[in-house]
Protein backbone atom coordinates (compact mmCIF):
# COMPACT_ATOMS: atom_id res chain seq x y z
CA MET A 1 90.06 102.45 58.66
CA LYS A 2 92.56 104.84 60.06
CA LYS A 3 92.62 108.18 58.36
CA LEU A 4 95.28 110.72 59.15
CA ILE A 5 94.53 114.40 59.42
CA SER A 6 96.46 116.12 56.69
CA GLY A 7 97.87 119.61 56.26
CA ILE A 8 101.09 121.07 54.78
CA LEU A 9 103.34 123.80 56.17
CA CYS A 10 105.49 125.91 53.99
CA ALA A 11 108.92 124.22 53.75
CA VAL A 12 110.72 127.34 54.82
CA ILE A 13 108.66 127.62 57.99
CA PHE A 14 108.92 123.94 58.54
CA LEU A 15 112.72 123.90 58.39
CA SER A 16 112.94 126.80 60.86
CA ILE A 17 110.85 124.80 63.33
CA LEU A 18 111.94 121.24 62.93
CA THR A 19 115.63 120.25 62.67
CA ALA A 20 117.32 116.93 62.88
CA CYS A 21 119.36 116.49 66.00
CA ALA A 22 121.30 114.10 68.29
CA GLY A 23 120.71 113.45 71.98
CA ASN A 24 117.70 113.73 74.21
CA SER A 25 116.68 116.99 75.87
CA GLY A 26 114.63 116.30 78.98
CA THR A 27 112.50 118.83 80.91
CA SER A 28 113.13 119.25 84.58
CA GLY A 29 109.97 119.13 86.66
CA SER A 30 108.54 122.24 88.27
CA SER A 31 105.91 122.96 90.80
CA LYS A 32 102.40 123.63 89.68
CA ALA A 33 102.78 127.16 91.04
CA GLN A 34 105.60 127.82 88.56
CA ASN A 35 103.70 126.21 85.69
CA SER A 36 100.29 127.52 86.62
CA ALA A 37 97.74 127.55 83.85
CA ALA A 38 97.09 131.13 84.87
CA ALA A 39 100.37 132.02 83.16
CA ALA A 40 99.74 133.36 79.61
CA LYS A 41 100.34 130.86 76.77
CA THR A 42 103.40 131.61 74.72
CA ASN A 43 103.81 131.35 71.00
CA GLU A 44 107.55 131.18 71.35
CA GLN A 45 109.28 128.15 69.80
CA LYS A 46 109.99 125.50 72.33
CA LEU A 47 111.94 122.58 70.75
CA HIS A 48 111.89 119.13 72.22
CA THR A 49 113.63 115.89 71.06
CA LEU A 50 111.54 113.10 69.80
CA THR A 51 113.28 109.75 70.25
CA VAL A 52 112.17 106.53 68.63
CA CYS A 53 113.68 103.09 69.23
CA ALA A 54 112.99 100.81 66.34
CA ALA A 55 114.04 97.44 64.99
CA LYS A 56 116.84 97.66 62.38
CA ASP A 57 114.60 96.30 59.62
CA ALA A 58 112.18 99.13 60.03
CA GLY A 59 114.29 101.23 57.62
CA ASP A 60 114.07 104.98 57.46
CA ILE A 61 111.58 106.71 59.74
CA THR A 62 109.69 109.95 59.20
CA ALA A 63 107.94 111.80 62.02
CA VAL A 64 104.68 113.53 61.21
CA PHE A 65 103.79 116.17 63.77
CA LEU A 66 100.19 117.21 64.37
CA ASN A 67 98.20 119.78 66.37
CA THR A 68 94.74 118.34 67.01
CA SER A 69 93.19 121.75 67.54
CA THR A 70 94.46 123.61 64.56
CA GLY A 71 95.05 120.66 62.15
CA LYS A 72 98.60 121.86 61.42
CA THR A 73 100.97 119.09 60.44
CA ALA A 74 104.65 118.84 59.49
CA ALA A 75 106.74 115.93 58.45
CA VAL A 76 110.51 115.47 58.98
CA LYS A 77 112.84 112.54 58.32
CA MET A 78 114.33 111.41 61.52
CA LYS A 79 118.12 110.99 61.95
CA LYS A 80 119.63 107.67 62.89
CA ASN A 81 121.45 108.40 66.13
CA GLY A 82 123.08 105.23 67.23
CA GLU A 83 122.12 101.66 68.13
CA GLN A 84 120.71 99.97 71.19
CA GLY A 85 121.00 96.16 71.09
CA ALA A 86 118.97 94.92 68.08
CA ASN A 87 117.45 98.34 67.54
CA ASN A 88 118.32 101.67 65.97
CA ILE A 89 117.76 104.95 67.70
CA PHE A 90 116.17 107.82 65.71
CA THR A 91 115.78 111.39 66.83
CA CYS A 92 114.48 114.79 65.58
CA GLN A 93 113.04 117.90 67.11
CA GLY A 94 109.66 119.43 67.17
CA ASP A 95 108.01 122.47 68.76
CA VAL A 96 105.76 121.41 71.69
CA ASN A 97 104.08 124.79 71.65
CA LEU A 98 102.99 124.18 68.06
CA TYR A 99 102.25 120.44 68.05
CA ASN A 100 100.81 118.04 70.65
CA MET A 101 100.78 114.70 68.79
CA VAL A 102 102.97 112.71 66.37
CA HIS A 103 103.04 109.53 64.42
CA VAL A 104 105.84 107.84 62.42
CA LYS A 105 106.00 106.45 58.96
CA PHE A 106 108.29 103.55 58.08
CA GLY A 107 108.23 101.84 54.74
CA GLU A 108 104.59 101.53 53.65
CA LYS A 109 103.36 101.63 57.27
CA SER A 110 102.37 104.22 59.79
CA SER A 111 101.84 104.13 63.57
CA MET A 112 98.87 105.71 65.22
CA ASP A 113 99.21 109.24 66.67
CA VAL A 114 100.69 109.54 70.19
CA ALA A 115 101.38 112.44 72.54
CA PHE A 116 104.25 114.74 71.67
CA ASN A 117 105.60 116.65 74.66
CA SER A 118 108.43 116.76 77.16
CA PHE A 119 106.86 114.27 79.57
CA ILE A 120 108.13 111.12 77.89
CA SER A 121 111.65 110.01 77.32
CA GLY A 122 111.00 108.13 74.12
CA TRP A 123 108.79 105.75 72.14
CA TYR A 124 109.57 102.13 71.23
CA LEU A 125 108.22 101.08 67.87
CA LYS A 126 106.98 97.52 68.32
CA LYS A 127 105.52 96.27 65.10
CA ASP A 128 103.10 99.10 64.29
CA GLU A 129 102.65 100.38 67.86
CA LEU A 130 104.50 103.11 69.77
CA LEU A 131 105.07 102.14 73.37
CA PRO A 132 106.61 104.33 76.16
CA TYR A 133 110.22 103.61 77.12
CA ILE A 134 113.30 105.19 78.70
CA THR A 135 116.01 106.10 76.27
CA GLY A 136 119.25 104.27 76.85
CA LYS A 137 117.46 101.25 78.46
CA GLU A 138 116.11 98.09 76.90
CA PRO A 139 112.30 98.20 76.42
CA VAL A 140 110.82 95.87 79.05
CA TYR A 141 107.04 95.46 79.72
CA ASP A 142 106.75 93.25 82.85
CA THR A 143 105.26 95.56 85.50
CA LYS A 144 105.33 94.50 89.15
CA PHE A 145 102.75 96.02 91.49
CA GLU A 146 100.94 95.47 94.77
CA THR A 147 97.33 94.31 95.09
CA LYS A 148 94.99 95.20 97.91
CA ALA A 149 91.44 94.04 98.38
CA LEU A 150 89.05 96.60 99.87
CA LYS A 151 85.32 96.15 100.45
CA PHE A 152 82.68 97.91 98.38
CA ASP A 153 79.04 96.76 98.54
CA GLY A 154 80.17 93.72 100.50
CA ARG A 155 82.41 92.58 97.72
CA ASP A 156 86.22 92.59 97.41
CA LYS A 157 87.29 95.47 95.17
CA LEU A 158 90.86 94.98 93.95
CA VAL A 159 93.20 97.98 94.01
CA TYR A 160 96.44 97.80 92.11
CA ILE A 161 99.31 100.02 93.42
CA TYR A 162 102.37 100.82 91.34
CA THR A 163 105.35 102.43 92.97
CA PRO A 164 108.21 103.53 90.72
CA GLN A 165 111.43 101.55 90.66
CA ASN A 166 113.27 104.18 92.71
CA TYR A 167 110.44 104.67 95.14
CA ASP A 168 111.69 105.93 98.46
CA LYS A 169 109.19 105.42 101.27
CA SER A 170 111.07 107.70 103.59
CA ALA A 171 111.95 110.53 101.20
CA GLU A 172 111.16 114.02 102.43
CA ASP A 173 109.88 114.96 98.95
CA LYS A 174 106.67 112.90 98.78
CA TYR A 175 104.99 111.46 95.71
CA SER A 176 101.84 112.69 93.94
CA VAL A 177 99.05 110.03 93.45
CA ILE A 178 97.32 109.36 90.21
CA TYR A 179 94.14 107.30 90.77
CA MET A 180 92.59 105.52 87.81
CA PHE A 181 89.40 103.62 87.06
CA ASP A 182 89.44 100.28 85.19
CA GLY A 183 92.71 99.37 86.94
CA GLN A 184 92.64 95.93 85.39
CA SER A 185 93.60 97.49 82.03
CA ILE A 186 96.19 100.10 82.92
CA LEU A 187 99.32 98.40 84.29
CA THR A 188 99.87 95.12 82.52
CA THR A 189 98.24 92.35 80.46
CA GLY A 190 97.43 88.73 81.46
CA LYS A 191 93.99 87.31 82.12
CA ASP A 192 95.58 84.90 84.59
CA ARG A 193 96.41 87.96 86.70
CA GLY A 194 92.84 89.34 86.54
CA MET A 195 93.67 91.78 83.79
CA ASP A 196 91.40 92.68 80.85
CA ASN A 197 93.29 90.74 78.18
CA ASP A 198 96.60 89.26 77.16
CA THR A 199 97.59 91.64 74.47
CA VAL A 200 97.12 95.34 75.34
CA CYS A 201 97.06 97.70 78.30
CA TRP A 202 97.65 101.42 78.96
CA ASN A 203 101.30 100.80 80.05
CA VAL A 204 100.93 103.61 82.63
CA ALA A 205 103.81 102.22 84.68
CA GLU A 206 106.20 102.60 81.76
CA HIS A 207 104.78 106.06 81.03
CA LEU A 208 105.47 107.04 84.58
CA GLU A 209 109.00 105.76 84.59
CA SER A 210 109.64 107.45 81.27
CA MET A 211 108.39 110.78 82.58
CA MET A 212 110.41 110.50 85.80
CA SER A 213 113.59 109.86 83.78
CA VAL A 214 113.36 113.29 82.10
CA THR A 215 111.60 115.44 84.72
CA ASP A 216 111.71 115.99 88.48
CA ASN A 217 107.99 114.96 88.82
CA LYS A 218 107.23 111.71 90.60
CA ALA A 219 104.09 109.86 91.48
CA ILE A 220 102.56 106.52 92.29
CA ILE A 221 99.66 104.94 90.35
CA VAL A 222 96.61 103.51 92.08
CA GLY A 223 94.31 101.54 89.72
CA ILE A 224 90.86 100.44 90.92
CA GLU A 225 89.44 97.46 89.07
CA ASN A 226 86.04 97.58 87.41
CA ASN A 227 86.33 94.30 85.55
CA ASP A 228 82.85 92.69 85.48
CA PHE A 229 79.24 93.54 84.93
CA TYR A 230 79.36 95.56 88.16
CA ARG A 231 81.25 98.13 86.15
CA TRP A 232 77.97 99.45 84.79
CA ASP A 233 76.86 100.04 88.38
CA GLU A 234 80.14 101.40 89.80
CA LEU A 235 80.92 103.85 87.03
CA VAL A 236 77.49 105.43 86.56
CA PRO A 237 76.66 108.10 89.18
CA ASP A 238 73.04 108.58 90.19
CA LEU A 239 72.01 111.82 88.51
CA GLY A 240 68.44 110.87 87.88
CA ASP A 241 66.79 109.03 85.03
CA ILE A 242 69.17 107.23 82.68
CA ASN A 243 69.06 108.37 78.99
CA THR A 244 68.11 105.24 77.00
CA GLU A 245 67.43 107.05 73.73
CA LYS A 246 70.34 105.28 71.93
CA GLU A 247 69.97 101.88 73.60
CA PRO A 248 68.30 98.84 72.04
CA GLU A 249 64.60 98.43 72.65
CA ASN A 250 65.20 95.36 74.82
CA VAL A 251 67.46 97.15 77.29
CA LYS A 252 65.63 98.43 80.45
CA PRO A 253 67.27 101.17 82.53
CA GLU A 254 67.12 99.11 85.70
CA GLU A 255 68.89 96.23 83.86
CA LEU A 256 71.54 98.56 82.37
CA THR A 257 72.75 100.05 85.65
CA LYS A 258 71.96 100.37 89.29
CA LYS A 259 73.70 103.73 89.39
CA ARG A 260 76.14 103.10 92.20
CA GLY A 261 78.69 105.60 90.88
CA SER A 262 77.93 108.14 93.53
CA ASP A 263 78.63 105.67 96.24
CA PHE A 264 81.69 104.42 94.35
CA ALA A 265 83.10 107.89 94.38
CA ASN A 266 82.69 108.03 98.12
CA PHE A 267 84.42 104.63 98.31
CA VAL A 268 87.42 106.07 96.47
CA CYS A 269 87.58 109.10 98.69
CA ASP A 270 86.72 107.48 102.05
CA THR A 271 88.27 104.01 101.72
CA VAL A 272 90.90 103.80 98.96
CA MET A 273 92.49 107.22 99.50
CA PRO A 274 92.87 106.80 103.32
CA TYR A 275 94.51 103.45 102.78
CA VAL A 276 96.95 104.90 100.30
CA ASN A 277 97.65 107.91 102.33
CA GLU A 278 98.43 105.83 105.40
CA ASN A 279 100.63 103.28 103.72
CA TYR A 280 102.55 105.20 101.08
CA ASN A 281 104.79 108.23 101.12
CA VAL A 282 102.38 110.52 99.25
CA TYR A 283 101.03 114.01 99.43
CA THR A 284 97.45 114.14 100.52
CA ASP A 285 96.31 117.49 99.17
CA ALA A 286 94.26 117.95 96.03
CA GLU A 287 97.10 119.77 94.22
CA HIS A 288 99.14 116.55 94.14
CA THR A 289 96.20 114.15 93.50
CA ALA A 290 94.63 113.28 90.12
CA LEU A 291 91.93 110.94 88.83
CA ALA A 292 91.44 109.59 85.37
CA GLY A 293 89.35 107.14 83.35
CA SER A 294 87.98 106.40 79.93
CA SER A 295 84.51 105.63 78.59
CA LEU A 296 82.33 104.92 81.69
CA GLY A 297 85.49 105.63 83.66
CA GLY A 298 85.66 109.10 82.09
CA LEU A 299 82.10 109.67 83.12
CA GLU A 300 82.85 108.64 86.69
CA THR A 301 85.99 110.78 86.71
CA PHE A 302 84.10 113.81 85.65
CA TYR A 303 81.50 113.22 88.36
CA THR A 304 83.98 112.38 91.07
CA VAL A 305 86.45 115.29 90.66
CA LEU A 306 83.66 117.84 90.43
CA SER A 307 81.90 116.35 93.43
CA HIS A 308 85.10 116.20 95.50
CA PRO A 309 87.26 119.18 94.43
CA ASP A 310 88.87 119.13 97.90
CA LYS A 311 90.35 115.67 96.97
CA PHE A 312 91.36 115.99 93.33
CA GLY A 313 93.26 118.84 91.52
CA THR A 314 93.11 117.24 88.09
CA GLY A 315 90.67 115.04 86.18
CA GLY A 316 91.47 113.05 83.04
CA VAL A 317 88.11 112.85 81.28
CA MET A 318 88.78 110.53 78.31
CA SER A 319 86.09 109.42 75.80
CA ALA A 320 83.48 109.90 78.49
CA THR A 321 79.92 108.47 77.98
CA PHE A 322 78.15 111.70 78.78
CA ASP A 323 75.04 110.55 77.00
CA MET A 324 74.22 108.32 79.94
CA TYR A 325 72.22 111.33 81.04
CA ALA A 326 70.21 113.95 79.19
CA ASP A 327 70.56 117.72 79.37
CA LYS A 328 68.23 118.27 82.31
CA GLN A 329 70.23 115.93 84.56
CA TRP A 330 73.53 117.60 83.65
CA THR A 331 72.00 121.01 84.32
CA ASP A 332 70.99 120.01 87.78
CA PHE A 333 74.40 118.45 88.47
CA LEU A 334 76.51 121.36 87.23
CA LYS A 335 74.60 124.24 88.71
CA ASP A 336 76.79 124.43 91.86
CA LYS A 337 80.02 123.21 90.14
CA ILE A 338 80.76 125.91 87.60
CA ASN A 339 81.98 128.71 89.92
CA MET A 340 83.85 126.69 92.48
CA ASP A 341 86.94 128.49 93.90
CA ASN A 342 88.79 125.17 93.95
CA ALA A 343 87.57 123.89 90.61
CA PRO A 344 89.81 121.00 89.38
CA PHE A 345 91.74 121.20 86.13
CA LEU A 346 89.93 119.13 83.48
CA TYR A 347 91.86 117.44 80.68
CA PHE A 348 89.35 116.21 78.02
CA TYR A 349 90.23 113.75 75.33
CA ALA A 350 88.03 112.16 72.71
CA GLY A 351 88.50 110.55 69.29
CA ARG A 352 85.96 110.21 66.51
CA TYR A 353 82.83 112.31 66.59
CA ASN A 354 80.37 109.38 66.75
CA GLY A 355 82.72 106.50 67.22
CA ASP A 356 84.58 107.64 70.35
CA ASN A 357 82.09 109.93 72.20
CA GLY A 358 83.56 112.96 70.49
CA ASP A 359 80.06 114.25 69.93
CA VAL A 360 78.95 114.16 73.55
CA SER A 361 82.41 115.25 74.76
CA GLN A 362 82.30 118.26 72.51
CA THR A 363 78.79 119.17 73.89
CA MET A 364 79.93 118.92 77.51
CA TYR A 365 83.22 120.82 77.01
CA ASN A 366 81.62 123.72 75.17
CA ARG A 367 78.86 123.84 77.75
CA LEU A 368 81.48 124.25 80.52
CA ILE A 369 82.99 127.16 78.60
CA ASP A 370 79.66 128.83 77.99
CA ASP A 371 78.49 128.39 81.53
CA GLY A 372 81.64 130.03 82.89
CA TYR A 373 83.89 127.26 84.22
CA SER A 374 87.39 128.67 84.93
CA LYS A 375 88.86 128.99 81.45
CA ASP A 376 92.42 128.33 82.53
CA LYS A 377 91.38 124.97 83.86
CA LEU A 378 90.00 123.47 80.58
CA VAL A 379 91.86 121.81 77.65
CA PHE A 380 90.60 119.37 75.03
CA ASN A 381 92.58 117.03 72.78
CA LYS A 382 90.20 116.48 69.86
CA ASN A 383 91.70 113.49 67.99
CA GLU A 384 89.38 113.11 65.07
CA THR A 385 90.95 109.79 64.01
CA GLY A 386 90.82 108.17 67.45
CA GLU A 387 88.88 105.02 68.22
CA HIS A 388 87.26 103.80 71.46
CA MET A 389 90.21 101.58 72.20
CA ILE A 390 92.90 101.26 74.90
CA GLU A 391 95.64 101.85 72.30
CA TYR A 392 94.53 105.45 71.75
CA TRP A 393 94.17 106.22 75.51
CA ARG A 394 97.66 104.75 76.06
CA GLY A 395 99.04 106.94 73.29
CA ILE A 396 97.89 110.24 74.85
CA TYR A 397 98.78 109.39 78.41
CA PRO A 398 101.93 111.59 78.45
CA GLU A 399 99.67 114.56 77.65
CA PHE A 400 97.51 113.74 80.71
CA LEU A 401 100.71 113.62 82.77
CA GLU A 402 101.60 117.08 81.51
CA ALA A 403 98.13 118.24 82.63
CA VAL A 404 98.59 116.66 86.05
CA PHE A 405 101.95 118.28 86.78
CA THR A 406 101.65 121.67 85.03
CA GLN A 407 97.87 122.34 84.86
CA ASN A 408 98.52 123.00 81.21
CA VAL A 409 99.05 121.32 77.78
CA ALA A 410 101.63 123.35 75.88
CA GLY A 411 100.20 122.58 72.40
CA LEU A 412 96.53 123.22 73.22
CA GLU A 413 94.72 126.50 73.94
CA PHE A 414 92.78 126.85 77.19
CA ALA A 415 89.01 126.66 76.85
CA SER A 416 88.98 126.86 73.06
CA PRO A 417 85.50 125.81 71.85
CA VAL A 418 85.54 122.44 70.15
CA GLN A 419 84.08 121.82 66.70
CA TYR A 420 84.67 118.53 65.02
CA LYS A 421 85.03 118.73 61.26
CA ASP A 422 83.67 115.24 60.75
CA THR A 423 80.18 114.84 62.14
CA SER A 424 79.01 112.25 59.61
CA ASP A 425 77.51 108.89 60.44
CA PRO A 426 80.48 106.57 60.92
CA LEU A 427 78.64 103.69 59.16
CA GLU A 428 78.00 105.85 56.13
CA LYS A 429 81.60 106.98 56.15
CA MET A 430 82.94 103.46 56.32
CA LEU A 431 80.76 102.30 53.45
CA LYS A 432 82.05 105.16 51.39
CA GLU A 433 85.67 104.40 52.19
CA LEU A 434 85.14 100.83 51.15
CA GLU A 435 83.31 101.89 48.01
CA LEU A 436 80.37 99.76 49.07
CA ASP A 437 76.76 100.26 48.04
CA PRO A 438 74.31 99.01 50.78
CA SER A 439 71.57 98.69 48.21
CA LYS A 440 73.52 95.93 46.53
CA ILE A 441 73.80 93.83 49.68
CA GLU A 442 71.36 90.95 49.51
CA PRO A 443 69.38 90.79 52.74
CA GLY A 444 69.08 87.62 54.69
CA TYR A 445 68.69 85.92 58.09
CA ILE A 446 70.98 83.78 60.11
CA TYR A 447 69.52 80.80 61.98
CA TYR A 448 69.99 78.90 65.18
CA ASP A 449 68.92 75.22 65.80
CA ASN A 450 67.50 74.96 69.33
CA SER A 451 66.29 71.35 68.98
CA GLU A 452 68.81 69.96 71.46
CA THR A 453 69.65 73.00 73.65
CA LYS A 454 65.97 73.70 74.31
CA TRP A 455 66.59 77.21 75.56
CA ASP A 456 63.49 79.20 76.53
CA LYS A 457 64.77 82.12 74.49
CA VAL A 458 67.52 82.49 71.96
CA TYR A 459 69.58 85.64 71.58
CA ALA A 460 72.33 86.72 69.14
CA TYR A 461 75.16 88.97 70.31
CA TRP A 462 77.76 90.23 67.82
CA TRP A 463 80.58 92.75 67.58
CA GLY A 464 83.36 94.19 65.36
CA GLY A 465 83.45 95.47 61.83
CA MET A 466 80.71 97.59 60.24
CA ALA A 467 77.77 96.14 62.12
CA PHE A 468 74.43 96.86 60.39
CA ASN A 469 71.21 95.11 59.58
CA SER A 470 71.29 93.60 56.13
CA PHE A 471 67.56 94.29 55.67
CA THR A 472 67.14 97.81 56.95
CA LYS A 473 70.77 99.04 56.71
CA GLU A 474 70.32 100.33 60.23
CA PRO A 475 73.44 100.13 62.42
CA TYR A 476 73.75 97.56 65.17
CA TYR A 477 75.91 99.97 67.26
CA PHE A 478 74.35 99.30 70.65
CA SER A 479 74.47 95.53 71.10
CA GLU A 480 74.60 95.16 74.87
CA TRP A 481 74.77 91.74 76.41
CA PRO A 482 72.88 89.41 75.92
CA GLY A 483 72.24 90.98 72.54
CA PHE A 484 69.05 90.74 70.43
CA GLN A 485 66.26 88.27 70.82
CA MET A 486 65.84 85.86 67.86
CA GLU A 487 62.48 85.07 66.29
CA ARG A 488 61.05 81.53 66.53
CA ILE A 489 59.85 80.17 63.22
CA ASP A 490 56.34 78.57 63.22
CA ASN A 491 56.67 76.87 66.66
CA SER A 492 59.70 74.95 65.34
CA ASP A 493 63.07 74.57 66.97
CA ILE A 494 64.62 77.00 64.50
CA TYR A 495 65.17 80.69 65.42
CA ARG A 496 66.16 83.43 63.09
CA ILE A 497 67.38 87.07 63.18
CA LYS A 498 67.97 89.65 60.42
CA ALA A 499 71.54 89.16 59.55
CA PRO A 500 74.22 91.41 60.86
CA TRP A 501 76.43 92.50 57.97
CA GLY A 502 80.09 93.32 58.42
CA ASN A 503 80.71 91.71 61.81
CA GLN A 504 83.67 89.68 62.90
CA GLY A 505 82.24 87.59 65.64
CA ILE A 506 78.95 86.33 67.04
CA ILE A 507 77.64 84.48 70.14
CA PHE A 508 74.31 82.67 70.51
CA ASP A 509 73.04 82.63 74.05
CA SER A 510 69.99 81.90 76.22
CA GLY A 511 69.18 85.54 76.88
CA VAL A 512 70.18 85.68 80.59
CA THR A 513 71.82 88.87 81.76
CA ASP A 514 75.11 88.76 83.63
CA ARG A 515 73.47 90.27 86.63
CA GLU A 516 70.98 87.40 86.69
CA VAL A 517 73.96 84.99 86.36
CA SER A 518 75.66 86.56 89.45
CA GLU A 519 72.43 85.94 91.33
CA GLY A 520 72.53 82.23 90.44
CA LYS A 521 70.34 81.97 87.40
CA GLU A 522 71.58 79.38 84.94
CA ALA A 523 72.76 80.61 81.57
CA PHE A 524 74.11 79.04 78.40
CA GLN A 525 75.98 80.40 75.41
CA THR A 526 78.41 79.53 72.68
CA THR A 527 82.01 80.71 72.89
CA ASP A 528 83.13 83.43 70.45
CA ILE A 529 82.29 82.24 66.93
CA PRO A 530 84.17 83.77 63.96
CA TYR A 531 81.65 85.42 61.71
CA ASN A 532 81.58 86.94 58.15
CA ASN A 533 79.01 87.87 55.59
CA ASP A 534 79.26 84.50 53.78
CA LEU A 535 77.39 82.98 56.78
CA ILE A 536 74.21 84.92 55.98
CA GLY A 537 71.47 82.34 55.27
CA LYS A 538 73.32 79.66 57.29
CA LEU A 539 72.15 77.64 60.29
CA TYR A 540 74.25 77.16 63.49
CA LYS A 541 73.94 74.14 65.74
CA ILE A 542 75.88 73.46 68.95
CA ASP A 543 77.76 70.20 69.22
CA MET A 544 76.23 68.80 72.38
CA SER A 545 78.80 65.98 72.62
CA VAL A 546 81.26 68.54 73.94
CA GLU A 547 80.41 69.43 77.53
CA PRO A 548 79.98 73.18 78.25
CA LYS A 549 82.52 74.79 80.60
CA ALA A 550 81.40 76.89 83.58
CA ASP A 551 82.73 80.41 84.08
CA PRO A 552 84.83 80.98 87.21
CA GLY A 553 83.79 82.84 90.37
CA VAL A 554 80.44 84.48 90.69
CA MET A 555 79.72 83.65 87.04
CA LYS A 556 79.93 79.86 87.50
CA SER A 557 76.25 79.37 86.58
CA LYS A 558 77.10 80.56 83.01
CA ARG A 559 78.19 77.66 80.78
CA ARG A 560 79.93 78.00 77.41
CA TYR A 561 79.69 75.46 74.56
CA SER A 562 82.92 75.40 72.59
CA ALA A 563 81.95 73.30 69.57
CA GLY A 564 79.42 73.59 66.80
CA ASN A 565 78.94 74.06 63.10
CA TRP A 566 77.22 76.01 60.34
CA SER A 567 75.22 74.33 57.66
CA ASP A 568 72.99 75.35 54.77
CA TYR A 569 69.39 76.17 55.80
CA SER A 570 66.18 75.66 53.84
CA ALA A 571 62.71 76.38 55.06
CA GLU A 572 61.56 73.19 53.14
CA LYS A 573 63.74 71.02 55.39
């Protein structure tokens, strides 16, 4: 599905800008005063070494540089520049004033685009991914951090605190602080440690260590977890009526969120920050304090830094769900935020137009420009190929670090109005890429046998792939838990729903929300069931001989059935 933005520079110009080289040229850190965004942007060439550590069987590597604002690209074959254990080291140079992202090609494969700047020592090519690492050291991803429980709404809210390996608690030169929402996904993996999953995280600790190895900048990371259904409460500020225009018909605003984000912002400022300031060797002024988040975390970041500019000097607003509120609510919120003397620097990032909140991010960013927000405090990385996934936010994190420590991103223009080239419907686009004609898809239902489970209601929840209704061809983009209610057939025990086409997984459940579960209401569901289009027209029945397992903690009244099977269905049965 990934599509690279293409563009070709004249070979003569290219060779004058990009040259193969050996060695790594770091950038020494400077104060924000010295790197103030008020300083004029320069068009002068500023070469920086790109270093990639890759397995020896990766073969030759080509770096493809990109500017996400202008669309300019340039490719250069990287030079093998030594070995490191079982890996080869490749280097080349690029102009950080001309490009802000890069990906590598090796054999028939390509990595995704990642940040290209002087705030990362190097990238480690692990399979098809680029992970941050320190040149000259073995790539290791086993982060150690401290965990503190602080109370919010009467519940323990976990705070994960990462101090760099050379952290000096008594150093005269204190550390900046970078606060982040969704802390359970930023430092490490491992569900047994309370993390989001076992496979992917932002690797912000490795990013920080990499930056500190090549600059004089230093910081600690404070991640605040938002790992359950309370996330929809904690990361949605109360700005008025929720915009439910794009939500499913069965989702009620009061069930979607209790809008506790305003109080959660106060919790960060009045509880988390005082704890960190008292127990760690950090600066406490806004200039040395940043906040970042993605998706709902991006929304909450935007709200928090603009509501508390005395606390935060930089906000990382990534793939933010600005469409939680309509224009009127944003007008009311922004009316006293535009002309603040201490307005924070806002680093915006978004991927695809429809697929990664690029559409609503574009609208908000351009609105700030038009309304008169300080132009030297706005930059936007418009990554048109980006998805709403951790891997993409991880890849651009060094660019956010550049924004934090310089109030600038060298390869991007300040307050340049954003206009996505691709504003098409992503479903239509995907169908075209797969050369698939929806009119040739035979519509059908999927069925659930409720004869033994005897649920009062039956719901279907699905995800992944090109989710759309096989009858109407309408997208199933907004399937929030517990999904969509299935239709009972003629007072029988069989329920049906118009088949989702193109999904990768499905769950059948009893239609109880996670909020109701937390309040003690009993709920049942299947575990994740692999799903494909061949199952259209099939009937699913749970194997009741296998006892359901209860979820842990506050979700213990939710029980999951792990066994079941599909069979042919006929209305004549």
